[in-house]
Amino acid sequence: MFKSRWRRFGVMNSILVALIAGFIAQTGLIWYLQIKLVKFIAKSMAILDQNIAQAATNLVEGAQAVAVDPPNPMQMMIMQLLQQRISGPPRDQTGKFIEQSISSKD
């Protein structure tokens, strides 16, 4: 009777050892796969970064190659007129407004 009890514990211990070994093996496999996945993602991000940089460089170089039309003289005159109106009345060195005479032509 005493021997059969130890046999049961022996079987239970071997099952327990097998379960623990399986758990350790699975944990190791998960860690290994996780490390490989992180390395793969880092490598992919570096490649993606290089591709984006190359695309941006090509875009900028392509934009410089496009011929730009010179500004229209009429548009330049309108722009200068608007800038003069936006700047407001003339001022002196101290910042006070300069009095201007208004002449009317009749």
Protein backbone atom coordinates (compact mmCIF):
# COMPACT_ATOMS: atom_id res chain seq x y z
CA MET A 1 0.00 0.00 0.00
CA PHE A 2 2.78 2.37 0.85
CA LYS A 3 4.50 1.67 -2.48
CA SER A 4 1.42 2.34 -4.60
CA ARG A 5 1.03 5.78 -3.05
CA TRP A 6 4.56 6.74 -4.11
CA ARG A 7 3.88 5.43 -7.57
CA ARG A 8 0.98 7.81 -7.93
CA PHE A 9 3.11 10.70 -6.77
CA GLY A 10 5.83 9.59 -9.18
CA VAL A 11 3.41 9.75 -12.09
CA MET A 12 2.05 13.08 -10.90
CA ASN A 13 5.56 14.46 -10.51
CA SER A 14 6.52 13.41 -14.02
CA ILE A 15 3.35 15.02 -15.39
CA LEU A 16 4.09 18.17 -13.40
CA VAL A 17 7.68 18.25 -14.66
CA ALA A 18 6.46 17.79 -18.23
CA LEU A 19 3.95 20.63 -17.83
CA ILE A 20 6.57 22.96 -16.36
CA ALA A 21 9.03 22.06 -19.14
CA GLY A 22 6.33 22.71 -21.75
CA PHE A 23 5.48 26.05 -20.15
CA ILE A 24 9.15 27.08 -20.11
CA ALA A 25 9.56 25.98 -23.75
CA GLN A 26 6.47 27.95 -24.83
CA THR A 27 7.62 31.03 -22.93
CA GLY A 28 11.04 30.82 -24.55
CA LEU A 29 9.47 30.40 -27.98
CA ILE A 30 7.22 33.43 -27.42
CA TRP A 31 10.19 35.57 -26.32
CA TYR A 32 12.22 34.43 -29.32
CA LEU A 33 9.38 35.22 -31.73
CA GLN A 34 8.78 38.57 -30.05
CA ILE A 35 12.43 39.56 -30.46
CA LYS A 36 12.36 38.49 -34.13
CA LEU A 37 9.15 40.48 -34.67
CA VAL A 38 10.61 43.63 -33.08
CA LYS A 39 13.71 43.34 -35.29
CA PHE A 40 11.54 42.82 -38.38
CA ILE A 41 9.40 45.87 -37.55
CA ALA A 42 12.50 48.02 -36.92
CA LYS A 43 14.02 46.92 -40.23
CA SER A 44 10.75 47.57 -42.07
CA MET A 45 10.44 51.03 -40.50
CA ALA A 46 14.00 51.89 -41.61
CA ILE A 47 13.19 50.81 -45.17
CA LEU A 48 9.93 52.77 -45.09
CA ASP A 49 11.79 55.83 -43.79
CA GLN A 50 14.28 55.59 -46.64
CA ASN A 51 11.50 55.22 -49.21
CA ILE A 52 9.65 58.26 -47.84
CA ALA A 53 12.86 60.31 -47.85
CA GLN A 54 13.58 59.28 -51.44
CA ALA A 55 10.03 60.16 -52.51
CA ALA A 56 10.27 63.57 -50.82
CA THR A 57 13.64 64.22 -52.49
CA ASN A 58 12.24 63.25 -55.89
CA LEU A 59 9.23 65.48 -55.32
CA VAL A 60 11.37 68.50 -54.40
CA GLU A 61 13.73 67.95 -57.32
CA GLY A 62 10.76 67.58 -59.66
CA ALA A 63 9.19 70.78 -58.36
CA GLN A 64 12.41 72.71 -59.01
CA ALA A 65 12.51 71.47 -62.58
CA VAL A 66 9.06 72.89 -63.34
CA ALA A 67 9.32 76.24 -65.12
CA VAL A 68 7.62 79.02 -63.17
CA ASP A 69 5.98 81.84 -65.10
CA PRO A 70 7.28 85.33 -64.32
CA PRO A 71 4.86 87.53 -62.38
CA ASN A 72 2.30 89.50 -64.35
CA PRO A 73 3.16 93.27 -64.38
CA MET A 74 -0.50 94.19 -63.80
CA GLN A 75 -0.65 91.92 -60.76
CA MET A 76 2.55 93.49 -59.42
CA MET A 77 1.06 97.00 -59.72
CA ILE A 78 -2.13 95.93 -57.93
CA MET A 79 -0.05 94.28 -55.20
CA GLN A 80 2.00 97.47 -54.67
CA LEU A 81 -1.16 99.56 -54.53
CA LEU A 82 -2.68 97.26 -51.93
CA GLN A 83 0.52 97.31 -49.86
CA GLN A 84 0.49 101.12 -49.84
CA ARG A 85 -3.13 101.20 -48.72
CA ILE A 86 -2.58 98.59 -46.02
CA SER A 87 0.46 100.39 -44.60
CA GLY A 88 -1.75 103.36 -43.63
CA PRO A 89 -0.95 107.06 -43.58
CA PRO A 90 2.73 108.11 -43.54
CA ARG A 91 4.47 108.70 -40.19
CA ASP A 92 7.59 110.57 -39.11
CA GLN A 93 10.59 109.24 -37.13
CA THR A 94 8.75 109.44 -33.80
CA GLY A 95 5.76 107.53 -35.09
CA LYS A 96 3.38 110.51 -35.31
CA PHE A 97 1.22 110.96 -38.37
CA ILE A 98 2.46 113.42 -40.98
CA GLU A 99 -0.08 116.01 -42.06
CA GLN A 100 -0.82 115.89 -45.75
CA SER A 101 -2.61 118.48 -47.77
CA ILE A 102 -5.51 117.31 -49.85
CA SER A 103 -5.83 119.08 -53.15
CA SER A 104 -8.92 118.80 -55.21
CA LYS A 105 -8.89 119.35 -58.91
CA ASP A 106 -12.00 121.09 -60.22
